[in-house]
Amino acid sequence: MRKIVIVDDDPLMSRLMRTIFELESFEVVIAQRYQEILPIIRQVQPDAVLMDVRVQGKETLDVVRQMRQEPELTNIPVVMTSGMDYRKQCLEAGANCFLMKPFIPDEMIRTVGTLLENR
């Protein structure tokens, strides 16, 4: 079973994403607190990460940069999301792609699926 870590501090958004990905046969792990993001990713070793740009008022771009420095995390696809256009900053930090909120669930599933196929 494919695994995805969803990083979002909005409980409603986290539940929605969990449901969508579980319907697509993913095992879903949620990280809602900034300090737990990297430990959860290291422990789960997911097939992909869907990460909001801001969690608990902190930018998560440094988390992506850190992932790209760690050999066991460097190849995990990361999709960043935000209600503001952070595409350039996310890609420069090492994210594979960026989705602007609100996004269509099918677009998100298709984006993650494409990243996994190309892995």
PDB file of N, CA and C in Angstrom:
ATOM      1  N   MET A   1       0.834  -1.187   0.000  1.00  0.00           N
ATOM      2  CA  MET A   1       0.000   0.000   0.000  1.00  0.00           C
ATOM      3  C   MET A   1       0.876   1.247   0.000  1.00  0.00           C
ATOM      4  N   ARG A   2       0.513   2.211  -0.833  1.00  0.00           N
ATOM      5  CA  ARG A   2       1.260   3.474  -0.895  1.00  0.00           C
ATOM      6  C   ARG A   2       0.960   4.302   0.351  1.00  0.00           C
ATOM      7  N   LYS A   3       1.987   5.028   0.805  1.00  0.00           N
ATOM      8  CA  LYS A   3       1.846   5.853   2.011  1.00  0.00           C
ATOM      9  C   LYS A   3       2.050   7.317   1.654  1.00  0.00           C
ATOM     10  N   ILE A   4       1.242   8.174   2.285  1.00  0.00           N
ATOM     11  CA  ILE A   4       1.400   9.612   2.099  1.00  0.00           C
ATOM     12  C   ILE A   4       1.329  10.287   3.460  1.00  0.00           C
ATOM     13  N   VAL A   5       2.190  11.282   3.654  1.00  0.00           N
ATOM     14  CA  VAL A   5       2.115  12.124   4.850  1.00  0.00           C
ATOM     15  C   VAL A   5       1.485  13.439   4.411  1.00  0.00           C
ATOM     16  N   ILE A   6       0.426  13.824   5.111  1.00  0.00           N
ATOM     17  CA  ILE A   6      -0.248  15.083   4.850  1.00  0.00           C
ATOM     18  C   ILE A   6       0.104  16.048   5.980  1.00  0.00           C
ATOM     19  N   VAL A   7       0.681  17.189   5.614  1.00  0.00           N
ATOM     20  CA  VAL A   7       1.118  18.189   6.582  1.00  0.00           C
ATOM     21  C   VAL A   7       0.203  19.400   6.453  1.00  0.00           C
ATOM     22  N   ASP A   8      -0.696  19.557   7.428  1.00  0.00           N
ATOM     23  CA  ASP A   8      -1.622  20.687   7.420  1.00  0.00           C
ATOM     24  C   ASP A   8      -2.163  20.860   8.830  1.00  0.00           C
ATOM     25  N   ASP A   9      -2.149  22.088   9.338  1.00  0.00           N
ATOM     26  CA  ASP A   9      -2.626  22.316  10.703  1.00  0.00           C
ATOM     27  C   ASP A   9      -4.123  22.624  10.769  1.00  0.00           C
ATOM     28  N   ASP A  10      -4.786  22.620   9.638  1.00  0.00           N
ATOM     29  CA  ASP A  10      -6.229  22.824   9.596  1.00  0.00           C
ATOM     30  C   ASP A  10      -6.911  21.450   9.710  1.00  0.00           C
ATOM     31  N   PRO A  11      -7.587  21.177  10.835  1.00  0.00           N
ATOM     32  CA  PRO A  11      -8.190  19.856  11.046  1.00  0.00           C
ATOM     33  C   PRO A  11      -9.192  19.464   9.962  1.00  0.00           C
ATOM     34  N   LEU A  12      -9.963  20.424   9.481  1.00  0.00           N
ATOM     35  CA  LEU A  12     -10.944  20.126   8.438  1.00  0.00           C
ATOM     36  C   LEU A  12     -10.239  19.715   7.143  1.00  0.00           C
ATOM     37  N   MET A  13      -9.222  20.468   6.758  1.00  0.00           N
ATOM     38  CA  MET A  13      -8.462  20.145   5.545  1.00  0.00           C
ATOM     39  C   MET A  13      -7.767  18.790   5.687  1.00  0.00           C
ATOM     40  N   SER A  14      -7.201  18.520   6.864  1.00  0.00           N
ATOM     41  CA  SER A  14      -6.525  17.237   7.100  1.00  0.00           C
ATOM     42  C   SER A  14      -7.496  16.073   6.946  1.00  0.00           C
ATOM     43  N   ARG A  15      -8.681  16.205   7.519  1.00  0.00           N
ATOM     44  CA  ARG A  15      -9.685  15.130   7.414  1.00  0.00           C
ATOM     45  C   ARG A  15     -10.123  14.925   5.968  1.00  0.00           C
ATOM     46  N   LEU A  16     -10.331  16.032   5.266  1.00  0.00           N
ATOM     47  CA  LEU A  16     -10.729  15.952   3.863  1.00  0.00           C
ATOM     48  C   LEU A  16      -9.659  15.244   3.038  1.00  0.00           C
ATOM     49  N   MET A  17      -8.404  15.632   3.221  1.00  0.00           N
ATOM     50  CA  MET A  17      -7.299  15.007   2.474  1.00  0.00           C
ATOM     51  C   MET A  17      -7.171  13.517   2.828  1.00  0.00           C
ATOM     52  N   ARG A  18      -7.318  13.211   4.113  1.00  0.00           N
ATOM     53  CA  ARG A  18      -7.245  11.809   4.547  1.00  0.00           C
ATOM     54  C   ARG A  18      -8.296  10.984   3.803  1.00  0.00           C
ATOM     55  N   THR A  19      -9.526  11.475   3.791  1.00  0.00           N
ATOM     56  CA  THR A  19     -10.615  10.750   3.135  1.00  0.00           C
ATOM     57  C   THR A  19     -10.333  10.552   1.651  1.00  0.00           C
ATOM     58  N   ILE A  20      -9.918  11.621   0.994  1.00  0.00           N
ATOM     59  CA  ILE A  20      -9.645  11.545  -0.454  1.00  0.00           C
ATOM     60  C   ILE A  20      -8.560  10.518  -0.750  1.00  0.00           C
ATOM     61  N   PHE A  21      -7.467  10.552   0.000  1.00  0.00           N
ATOM     62  CA  PHE A  21      -6.367   9.626  -0.279  1.00  0.00           C
ATOM     63  C   PHE A  21      -6.690   8.196   0.158  1.00  0.00           C
ATOM     64  N   GLU A  22      -7.455   8.029   1.229  1.00  0.00           N
ATOM     65  CA  GLU A  22      -7.855   6.675   1.623  1.00  0.00           C
ATOM     66  C   GLU A  22      -8.752   6.057   0.558  1.00  0.00           C
ATOM     67  N   LEU A  23      -9.595   6.860  -0.082  1.00  0.00           N
ATOM     68  CA  LEU A  23     -10.425   6.359  -1.178  1.00  0.00           C
ATOM     69  C   LEU A  23      -9.568   5.907  -2.359  1.00  0.00           C
ATOM     70  N   GLU A  24      -8.355   6.448  -2.451  1.00  0.00           N
ATOM     71  CA  GLU A  24      -7.412   6.064  -3.507  1.00  0.00           C
ATOM     72  C   GLU A  24      -6.441   4.973  -3.029  1.00  0.00           C
ATOM     73  N   SER A  25      -6.773   4.346  -1.897  1.00  0.00           N
ATOM     74  CA  SER A  25      -6.002   3.222  -1.335  1.00  0.00           C
ATOM     75  C   SER A  25      -4.626   3.620  -0.813  1.00  0.00           C
ATOM     76  N   PHE A  26      -4.504   4.816  -0.286  1.00  0.00           N
ATOM     77  CA  PHE A  26      -3.284   5.245   0.381  1.00  0.00           C
ATOM     78  C   PHE A  26      -3.412   5.004   1.877  1.00  0.00           C
ATOM     79  N   GLU A  27      -2.298   4.677   2.503  1.00  0.00           N
ATOM     80  CA  GLU A  27      -2.207   4.743   3.960  1.00  0.00           C
ATOM     81  C   GLU A  27      -1.829   6.190   4.263  1.00  0.00           C
ATOM     82  N   VAL A  28      -2.609   6.857   5.117  1.00  0.00           N
ATOM     83  CA  VAL A  28      -2.431   8.290   5.358  1.00  0.00           C
ATOM     84  C   VAL A  28      -1.960   8.539   6.785  1.00  0.00           C
ATOM     85  N   VAL A  29      -0.931   9.368   6.912  1.00  0.00           N
ATOM     86  CA  VAL A  29      -0.461   9.823   8.217  1.00  0.00           C
ATOM     87  C   VAL A  29      -0.518  11.350   8.188  1.00  0.00           C
ATOM     88  N   ILE A  30      -1.077  11.935   9.242  1.00  0.00           N
ATOM     89  CA  ILE A  30      -1.248  13.385   9.318  1.00  0.00           C
ATOM     90  C   ILE A  30      -0.221  13.982  10.278  1.00  0.00           C
ATOM     91  N   ALA A  31       0.393  15.086   9.862  1.00  0.00           N
ATOM     92  CA  ALA A  31       1.264  15.878  10.746  1.00  0.00           C
ATOM     93  C   ALA A  31       0.630  17.262  10.845  1.00  0.00           C
ATOM     94  N   GLN A  32       0.212  17.648  12.060  1.00  0.00           N
ATOM     95  CA  GLN A  32      -0.449  18.935  12.238  1.00  0.00           C
ATOM     96  C   GLN A  32       0.393  19.946  13.007  1.00  0.00           C
ATOM     97  N   ARG A  33       1.464  19.481  13.639  1.00  0.00           N
ATOM     98  CA  ARG A  33       2.322  20.395  14.401  1.00  0.00           C
ATOM     99  C   ARG A  33       3.680  20.497  13.704  1.00  0.00           C
ATOM    100  N   TYR A  34       4.189  21.719  13.639  1.00  0.00           N
ATOM    101  CA  TYR A  34       5.438  21.972  12.918  1.00  0.00           C
ATOM    102  C   TYR A  34       6.569  21.050  13.384  1.00  0.00           C
ATOM    103  N   GLN A  35       6.732  20.926  14.707  1.00  0.00           N
ATOM    104  CA  GLN A  35       7.875  20.176  15.232  1.00  0.00           C
ATOM    105  C   GLN A  35       7.789  18.673  14.967  1.00  0.00           C
ATOM    106  N   GLU A  36       6.624  18.169  14.572  1.00  0.00           N
ATOM    107  CA  GLU A  36       6.499  16.728  14.323  1.00  0.00           C
ATOM    108  C   GLU A  36       6.651  16.354  12.846  1.00  0.00           C
ATOM    109  N   ILE A  37       6.765  17.344  11.965  1.00  0.00           N
ATOM    110  CA  ILE A  37       6.790  17.054  10.527  1.00  0.00           C
ATOM    111  C   ILE A  37       7.944  16.128  10.151  1.00  0.00           C
ATOM    112  N   LEU A  38       9.179  16.552  10.393  1.00  0.00           N
ATOM    113  CA  LEU A  38      10.332  15.725   9.994  1.00  0.00           C
ATOM    114  C   LEU A  38      10.380  14.384  10.732  1.00  0.00           C
ATOM    115  N   PRO A  39      10.147  14.339  12.045  1.00  0.00           N
ATOM    116  CA  PRO A  39      10.145  13.025  12.706  1.00  0.00           C
ATOM    117  C   PRO A  39       9.127  12.050  12.112  1.00  0.00           C
ATOM    118  N   ILE A  40       7.943  12.545  11.769  1.00  0.00           N
ATOM    119  CA  ILE A  40       6.937  11.662  11.167  1.00  0.00           C
ATOM    120  C   ILE A  40       7.383  11.193   9.788  1.00  0.00           C
ATOM    121  N   ILE A  41       7.906  12.109   8.976  1.00  0.00           N
ATOM    122  CA  ILE A  41       8.367  11.723   7.635  1.00  0.00           C
ATOM    123  C   ILE A  41       9.501  10.703   7.738  1.00  0.00           C
ATOM    124  N   ARG A  42      10.436  10.924   8.666  1.00  0.00           N
ATOM    125  CA  ARG A  42      11.543   9.966   8.842  1.00  0.00           C
ATOM    126  C   ARG A  42      11.024   8.597   9.263  1.00  0.00           C
ATOM    127  N   GLN A  43      10.039   8.579  10.149  1.00  0.00           N
ATOM    128  CA  GLN A  43       9.516   7.311  10.653  1.00  0.00           C
ATOM    129  C   GLN A  43       8.689   6.579   9.602  1.00  0.00           C
ATOM    130  N   VAL A  44       7.812   7.297   8.910  1.00  0.00           N
ATOM    131  CA  VAL A  44       6.881   6.674   7.962  1.00  0.00           C
ATOM    132  C   VAL A  44       7.567   6.296   6.648  1.00  0.00           C
ATOM    133  N   GLN A  45       8.553   7.094   6.214  1.00  0.00           N
ATOM    134  CA  GLN A  45       9.189   6.910   4.908  1.00  0.00           C
ATOM    135  C   GLN A  45       8.105   6.807   3.821  1.00  0.00           C
ATOM    136  N   PRO A  46       7.299   7.873   3.667  1.00  0.00           N
ATOM    137  CA  PRO A  46       6.162   7.811   2.745  1.00  0.00           C
ATOM    138  C   PRO A  46       6.582   7.799   1.281  1.00  0.00           C
ATOM    139  N   ASP A  47       5.625   7.433   0.444  1.00  0.00           N
ATOM    140  CA  ASP A  47       5.841   7.489  -0.999  1.00  0.00           C
ATOM    141  C   ASP A  47       5.727   8.924  -1.510  1.00  0.00           C
ATOM    142  N   ALA A  48       5.004   9.776  -0.755  1.00  0.00           N
ATOM    143  CA  ALA A  48       4.837  11.181  -1.127  1.00  0.00           C
ATOM    144  C   ALA A  48       4.445  11.988   0.110  1.00  0.00           C
ATOM    145  N   VAL A  49       4.665  13.312   0.017  1.00  0.00           N
ATOM    146  CA  VAL A  49       4.284  14.244   1.081  1.00  0.00           C
ATOM    147  C   VAL A  49       3.471  15.366   0.447  1.00  0.00           C
ATOM    148  N   LEU A  50       2.335  15.664   1.061  1.00  0.00           N
ATOM    149  CA  LEU A  50       1.518  16.805   0.669  1.00  0.00           C
ATOM    150  C   LEU A  50       1.606  17.797   1.820  1.00  0.00           C
ATOM    151  N   MET A  51       2.244  18.961   1.589  1.00  0.00           N
ATOM    152  CA  MET A  51       2.582  19.853   2.693  1.00  0.00           C
ATOM    153  C   MET A  51       2.114  21.285   2.452  1.00  0.00           C
ATOM    154  N   ASP A  52       1.381  21.820   3.432  1.00  0.00           N
ATOM    155  CA  ASP A  52       0.992  23.218   3.400  1.00  0.00           C
ATOM    156  C   ASP A  52       2.242  24.075   3.629  1.00  0.00           C
ATOM    157  N   VAL A  53       2.287  25.234   2.993  1.00  0.00           N
ATOM    158  CA  VAL A  53       3.445  26.127   3.110  1.00  0.00           C
ATOM    159  C   VAL A  53       3.579  26.689   4.525  1.00  0.00           C
ATOM    160  N   ARG A  54       2.446  26.864   5.223  1.00  0.00           N
ATOM    161  CA  ARG A  54       2.487  27.398   6.587  1.00  0.00           C
ATOM    162  C   ARG A  54       1.782  26.441   7.538  1.00  0.00           C
ATOM    163  N   VAL A  55       2.484  26.071   8.598  1.00  0.00           N
ATOM    164  CA  VAL A  55       1.931  25.210   9.644  1.00  0.00           C
ATOM    165  C   VAL A  55       2.238  25.875  10.979  1.00  0.00           C
ATOM    166  N   GLN A  56       1.211  26.123  11.738  1.00  0.00           N
ATOM    167  CA  GLN A  56       1.346  26.797  13.037  1.00  0.00           C
ATOM    168  C   GLN A  56       2.102  28.117  12.911  1.00  0.00           C
ATOM    169  N   GLY A  57       1.838  28.853  11.839  1.00  0.00           N
ATOM    170  CA  GLY A  57       2.460  30.158  11.641  1.00  0.00           C
ATOM    171  C   GLY A  57       3.894  30.123  11.161  1.00  0.00           C
ATOM    172  N   LYS A  58       4.432  28.928  10.886  1.00  0.00           N
ATOM    173  CA  LYS A  58       5.820  28.815  10.427  1.00  0.00           C
ATOM    174  C   LYS A  58       5.848  28.283   8.997  1.00  0.00           C
ATOM    175  N   GLU A  59       6.743  28.840   8.192  1.00  0.00           N
ATOM    176  CA  GLU A  59       6.907  28.345   6.828  1.00  0.00           C
ATOM    177  C   GLU A  59       7.567  26.975   6.847  1.00  0.00           C
ATOM    178  N   THR A  60       7.101  26.094   5.976  1.00  0.00           N
ATOM    179  CA  THR A  60       7.643  24.733   5.921  1.00  0.00           C
ATOM    180  C   THR A  60       8.694  24.562   4.824  1.00  0.00           C
ATOM    181  N   LEU A  61       9.098  25.651   4.201  1.00  0.00           N
ATOM    182  CA  LEU A  61      10.119  25.557   3.151  1.00  0.00           C
ATOM    183  C   LEU A  61      11.423  24.986   3.699  1.00  0.00           C
ATOM    184  N   ASP A  62      11.767  25.320   4.943  1.00  0.00           N
ATOM    185  CA  ASP A  62      12.979  24.754   5.551  1.00  0.00           C
ATOM    186  C   ASP A  62      12.870  23.249   5.751  1.00  0.00           C
ATOM    187  N   VAL A  63      11.654  22.759   5.967  1.00  0.00           N
ATOM    188  CA  VAL A  63      11.452  21.312   6.097  1.00  0.00           C
ATOM    189  C   VAL A  63      11.797  20.632   4.775  1.00  0.00           C
ATOM    190  N   VAL A  64      11.344  21.208   3.668  1.00  0.00           N
ATOM    191  CA  VAL A  64      11.655  20.650   2.347  1.00  0.00           C
ATOM    192  C   VAL A  64      13.157  20.694   2.097  1.00  0.00           C
ATOM    193  N   ARG A  65      13.776  21.822   2.433  1.00  0.00           N
ATOM    194  CA  ARG A  65      15.242  21.925   2.254  1.00  0.00           C
ATOM    195  C   ARG A  65      15.961  20.849   3.063  1.00  0.00           C
ATOM    196  N   GLN A  66      15.511  20.626   4.290  1.00  0.00           N
ATOM    197  CA  GLN A  66      16.120  19.598   5.141  1.00  0.00           C
ATOM    198  C   GLN A  66      15.918  18.211   4.543  1.00  0.00           C
ATOM    199  N   MET A  67      14.717  17.950   4.027  1.00  0.00           N
ATOM    200  CA  MET A  67      14.463  16.647   3.386  1.00  0.00           C
ATOM    201  C   MET A  67      15.444  16.407   2.239  1.00  0.00           C
ATOM    202  N   ARG A  68      15.728  17.435   1.475  1.00  0.00           N
ATOM    203  CA  ARG A  68      16.614  17.286   0.312  1.00  0.00           C
ATOM    204  C   ARG A  68      18.070  17.073   0.726  1.00  0.00           C
ATOM    205  N   GLN A  69      18.387  17.336   1.998  1.00  0.00           N
ATOM    206  CA  GLN A  69      19.741  17.115   2.514  1.00  0.00           C
ATOM    207  C   GLN A  69      19.931  15.723   3.103  1.00  0.00           C
ATOM    208  N   GLU A  70      18.834  15.045   3.417  1.00  0.00           N
ATOM    209  CA  GLU A  70      18.916  13.733   4.068  1.00  0.00           C
ATOM    210  C   GLU A  70      18.759  12.623   3.029  1.00  0.00           C
ATOM    211  N   PRO A  71      19.779  11.762   2.896  1.00  0.00           N
ATOM    212  CA  PRO A  71      19.755  10.725   1.861  1.00  0.00           C
ATOM    213  C   PRO A  71      18.490   9.871   1.852  1.00  0.00           C
ATOM    214  N   GLU A  72      17.950   9.537   3.031  1.00  0.00           N
ATOM    215  CA  GLU A  72      16.774   8.659   3.055  1.00  0.00           C
ATOM    216  C   GLU A  72      15.474   9.402   2.719  1.00  0.00           C
ATOM    217  N   LEU A  73      15.525  10.732   2.663  1.00  0.00           N
ATOM    218  CA  LEU A  73      14.324  11.524   2.365  1.00  0.00           C
ATOM    219  C   LEU A  73      14.402  12.273   1.039  1.00  0.00           C
ATOM    220  N   THR A  74      15.583  12.369   0.475  1.00  0.00           N
ATOM    221  CA  THR A  74      15.809  13.258  -0.661  1.00  0.00           C
ATOM    222  C   THR A  74      14.955  12.936  -1.887  1.00  0.00           C
ATOM    223  N   ASN A  75      14.592  11.668  -2.085  1.00  0.00           N
ATOM    224  CA  ASN A  75      13.839  11.294  -3.282  1.00  0.00           C
ATOM    225  C   ASN A  75      12.329  11.208  -3.072  1.00  0.00           C
ATOM    226  N   ILE A  76      11.845  11.555  -1.885  1.00  0.00           N
ATOM    227  CA  ILE A  76      10.407  11.519  -1.624  1.00  0.00           C
ATOM    228  C   ILE A  76       9.766  12.734  -2.300  1.00  0.00           C
ATOM    229  N   PRO A  77       8.801  12.501  -3.200  1.00  0.00           N
ATOM    230  CA  PRO A  77       8.131  13.624  -3.860  1.00  0.00           C
ATOM    231  C   PRO A  77       7.368  14.478  -2.848  1.00  0.00           C
ATOM    232  N   VAL A  78       7.475  15.804  -3.008  1.00  0.00           N
ATOM    233  CA  VAL A  78       6.791  16.746  -2.126  1.00  0.00           C
ATOM    234  C   VAL A  78       5.915  17.672  -2.969  1.00  0.00           C
ATOM    235  N   VAL A  79       4.623  17.703  -2.624  1.00  0.00           N
ATOM    236  CA  VAL A  79       3.677  18.626  -3.239  1.00  0.00           C
ATOM    237  C   VAL A  79       3.348  19.676  -2.180  1.00  0.00           C
ATOM    238  N   MET A  80       3.644  20.931  -2.468  1.00  0.00           N
ATOM    239  CA  MET A  80       3.359  22.022  -1.540  1.00  0.00           C
ATOM    240  C   MET A  80       2.034  22.668  -1.921  1.00  0.00           C
ATOM    241  N   THR A  81       1.300  23.164  -0.889  1.00  0.00           N
ATOM    242  CA  THR A  81       0.016  23.818  -1.124  1.00  0.00           C
ATOM    243  C   THR A  81      -0.058  25.121  -0.332  1.00  0.00           C
ATOM    244  N   SER A  82      -0.820  26.066  -0.862  1.00  0.00           N
ATOM    245  CA  SER A  82      -1.054  27.320  -0.149  1.00  0.00           C
ATOM    246  C   SER A  82      -2.181  28.077  -0.832  1.00  0.00           C
ATOM    247  N   GLY A  83      -2.818  28.951  -0.081  1.00  0.00           N
ATOM    248  CA  GLY A  83      -3.825  29.831  -0.643  1.00  0.00           C
ATOM    249  C   GLY A  83      -3.208  31.036  -1.334  1.00  0.00           C
ATOM    250  N   MET A  84      -1.898  31.212  -1.168  1.00  0.00           N
ATOM    251  CA  MET A  84      -1.160  32.285  -1.841  1.00  0.00           C
ATOM    252  C   MET A  84      -0.134  31.650  -2.777  1.00  0.00           C
ATOM    253  N   ASP A  85       0.245  32.367  -3.800  1.00  0.00           N
ATOM    254  CA  ASP A  85       1.142  31.793  -4.804  1.00  0.00           C
ATOM    255  C   ASP A  85       2.599  31.780  -4.329  1.00  0.00           C
ATOM    256  N   TYR A  86       2.998  30.643  -3.799  1.00  0.00           N
ATOM    257  CA  TYR A  86       4.380  30.423  -3.349  1.00  0.00           C
ATOM    258  C   TYR A  86       5.125  29.475  -4.291  1.00  0.00           C
ATOM    259  N   ARG A  87       4.602  29.313  -5.511  1.00  0.00           N
ATOM    260  CA  ARG A  87       5.172  28.338  -6.443  1.00  0.00           C
ATOM    261  C   ARG A  87       6.687  28.472  -6.576  1.00  0.00           C
ATOM    262  N   LYS A  88       7.157  29.673  -6.859  1.00  0.00           N
ATOM    263  CA  LYS A  88       8.595  29.890  -7.082  1.00  0.00           C
ATOM    264  C   LYS A  88       9.415  29.492  -5.848  1.00  0.00           C
ATOM    265  N   GLN A  89       8.999  29.957  -4.662  1.00  0.00           N
ATOM    266  CA  GLN A  89       9.730  29.662  -3.431  1.00  0.00           C
ATOM    267  C   GLN A  89       9.720  28.157  -3.133  1.00  0.00           C
ATOM    268  N   CYS A  90       8.596  27.509  -3.375  1.00  0.00           N
ATOM    269  CA  CYS A  90       8.490  26.071  -3.093  1.00  0.00           C
ATOM    270  C   CYS A  90       9.400  25.258  -4.009  1.00  0.00           C
ATOM    271  N   LEU A  91       9.388  25.588  -5.288  1.00  0.00           N
ATOM    272  CA  LEU A  91      10.234  24.860  -6.231  1.00  0.00           C
ATOM    273  C   LEU A  91      11.711  25.115  -5.942  1.00  0.00           C
ATOM    274  N   GLU A  92      12.055  26.343  -5.590  1.00  0.00           N
ATOM    275  CA  GLU A  92      13.445  26.657  -5.246  1.00  0.00           C
ATOM    276  C   GLU A  92      13.892  25.921  -3.988  1.00  0.00           C
ATOM    277  N   ALA A  93      12.957  25.674  -3.056  1.00  0.00           N
ATOM    278  CA  ALA A  93      13.297  24.958  -1.816  1.00  0.00           C
ATOM    279  C   ALA A  93      13.466  23.462  -2.049  1.00  0.00           C
ATOM    280  N   GLY A  94      12.977  22.969  -3.193  1.00  0.00           N
ATOM    281  CA  GLY A  94      13.148  21.551  -3.500  1.00  0.00           C
ATOM    282  C   GLY A  94      11.858  20.764  -3.661  1.00  0.00           C
ATOM    283  N   ALA A  95      10.706  21.438  -3.569  1.00  0.00           N
ATOM    284  CA  ALA A  95       9.433  20.744  -3.785  1.00  0.00           C
ATOM    285  C   ALA A  95       9.333  20.320  -5.249  1.00  0.00           C
ATOM    286  N   ASN A  96       8.616  19.240  -5.484  1.00  0.00           N
ATOM    287  CA  ASN A  96       8.425  18.757  -6.847  1.00  0.00           C
ATOM    288  C   ASN A  96       7.376  19.576  -7.597  1.00  0.00           C
ATOM    289  N   CYS A  97       6.355  20.040  -6.855  1.00  0.00           N
ATOM    290  CA  CYS A  97       5.343  20.878  -7.484  1.00  0.00           C
ATOM    291  C   CYS A  97       4.558  21.644  -6.425  1.00  0.00           C
ATOM    292  N   PHE A  98       3.701  22.546  -6.901  1.00  0.00           N
ATOM    293  CA  PHE A  98       2.930  23.415  -6.035  1.00  0.00           C
ATOM    294  C   PHE A  98       1.490  23.446  -6.531  1.00  0.00           C
ATOM    295  N   LEU A  99       0.549  23.317  -5.599  1.00  0.00           N
ATOM    296  CA  LEU A  99      -0.869  23.445  -5.921  1.00  0.00           C
ATOM    297  C   LEU A  99      -1.457  24.604  -5.134  1.00  0.00           C
ATOM    298  N   MET A 100      -2.164  25.459  -5.825  1.00  0.00           N
ATOM    299  CA  MET A 100      -2.806  26.610  -5.195  1.00  0.00           C
ATOM    300  C   MET A 100      -4.144  26.166  -4.594  1.00  0.00           C
ATOM    301  N   LYS A 101      -4.391  26.560  -3.336  1.00  0.00           N
ATOM    302  CA  LYS A 101      -5.681  26.280  -2.697  1.00  0.00           C
ATOM    303  C   LYS A 101      -6.675  27.362  -3.108  1.00  0.00           C
ATOM    304  N   PRO A 102      -7.936  27.075  -3.261  1.00  0.00           N
ATOM    305  CA  PRO A 102      -8.501  25.719  -3.174  1.00  0.00           C
ATOM    306  C   PRO A 102      -8.223  24.962  -4.462  1.00  0.00           C
ATOM    307  N   PHE A 103      -7.874  23.707  -4.334  1.00  0.00           N
ATOM    308  CA  PHE A 103      -7.627  22.893  -5.521  1.00  0.00           C
ATOM    309  C   PHE A 103      -8.717  21.838  -5.635  1.00  0.00           C
ATOM    310  N   ILE A 104      -8.847  21.308  -6.813  1.00  0.00           N
ATOM    311  CA  ILE A 104      -9.832  20.266  -7.083  1.00  0.00           C
ATOM    312  C   ILE A 104      -9.211  18.940  -6.642  1.00  0.00           C
ATOM    313  N   PRO A 105      -9.928  18.151  -5.835  1.00  0.00           N
ATOM    314  CA  PRO A 105      -9.359  16.878  -5.365  1.00  0.00           C
ATOM    315  C   PRO A 105      -8.798  16.005  -6.489  1.00  0.00           C
ATOM    316  N   ASP A 106      -9.473  15.946  -7.632  1.00  0.00           N
ATOM    317  CA  ASP A 106      -8.966  15.136  -8.748  1.00  0.00           C
ATOM    318  C   ASP A 106      -7.610  15.637  -9.230  1.00  0.00           C
ATOM    319  N   GLU A 107      -7.428  16.957  -9.227  1.00  0.00           N
ATOM    320  CA  GLU A 107      -6.146  17.541  -9.638  1.00  0.00           C
ATOM    321  C   GLU A 107      -5.038  17.120  -8.675  1.00  0.00           C
ATOM    322  N   MET A 108      -5.346  17.126  -7.390  1.00  0.00           N
ATOM    323  CA  MET A 108      -4.364  16.733  -6.381  1.00  0.00           C
ATOM    324  C   MET A 108      -3.989  15.257  -6.535  1.00  0.00           C
ATOM    325  N   ILE A 109      -4.985  14.396  -6.680  1.00  0.00           N
ATOM    326  CA  ILE A 109      -4.737  12.959  -6.852  1.00  0.00           C
ATOM    327  C   ILE A 109      -3.919  12.715  -8.119  1.00  0.00           C
ATOM    328  N   ARG A 110      -4.278  13.396  -9.191  1.00  0.00           N
ATOM    329  CA  ARG A 110      -3.561  13.240 -10.462  1.00  0.00           C
ATOM    330  C   ARG A 110      -2.107  13.698 -10.316  1.00  0.00           C
ATOM    331  N   THR A 111      -1.897  14.819  -9.631  1.00  0.00           N
ATOM    332  CA  THR A 111      -0.542  15.352  -9.430  1.00  0.00           C
ATOM    333  C   THR A 111       0.316  14.370  -8.644  1.00  0.00           C
ATOM    334  N   VAL A 112      -0.206  13.869  -7.536  1.00  0.00           N
ATOM    335  CA  VAL A 112       0.542  12.900  -6.716  1.00  0.00           C
ATOM    336  C   VAL A 112       0.776  11.620  -7.515  1.00  0.00           C
ATOM    337  N   GLY A 113      -0.241  11.151  -8.222  1.00  0.00           N
ATOM    338  CA  GLY A 113      -0.093   9.935  -9.025  1.00  0.00           C
ATOM    339  C   GLY A 113       0.995  10.066 -10.071  1.00  0.00           C
ATOM    340  N   THR A 114       1.037  11.208 -10.752  1.00  0.00           N
ATOM    341  CA  THR A 114       2.063  11.447 -11.758  1.00  0.00           C
ATOM    342  C   THR A 114       3.460  11.451 -11.145  1.00  0.00           C
ATOM    343  N   LEU A 115       3.596  12.086  -9.983  1.00  0.00           N
ATOM    344  CA  LEU A 115       4.905  12.102  -9.293  1.00  0.00           C
ATOM    345  C   LEU A 115       5.340  10.689  -8.931  1.00  0.00           C
ATOM    346  N   LEU A 116       4.409   9.857  -8.470  1.00  0.00           N
ATOM    347  CA  LEU A 116       4.754   8.493  -8.085  1.00  0.00           C
ATOM    348  C   LEU A 116       5.122   7.645  -9.296  1.00  0.00           C
ATOM    349  N   GLU A 117       4.444   7.861 -10.410  1.00  0.00           N
ATOM    350  CA  GLU A 117       4.759   7.112 -11.636  1.00  0.00           C
ATOM    351  C   GLU A 117       6.146   7.466 -12.147  1.00  0.00           C
ATOM    352  N   ASN A 118       6.535   8.716 -11.979  1.00  0.00           N
ATOM    353  CA  ASN A 118       7.825   9.194 -12.494  1.00  0.00           C
ATOM    354  C   ASN A 118       8.972   9.019 -11.529  1.00  0.00           C
ATOM    355  N   ARG A 119       8.698   8.430 -10.399  1.00  0.00           N
ATOM    356  CA  ARG A 119       9.706   8.294  -9.358  1.00  0.00           C
ATOM    357  C   ARG A 119      10.773   7.294  -9.717  1.00  0.00           C
TER     358      ARG A 119
END
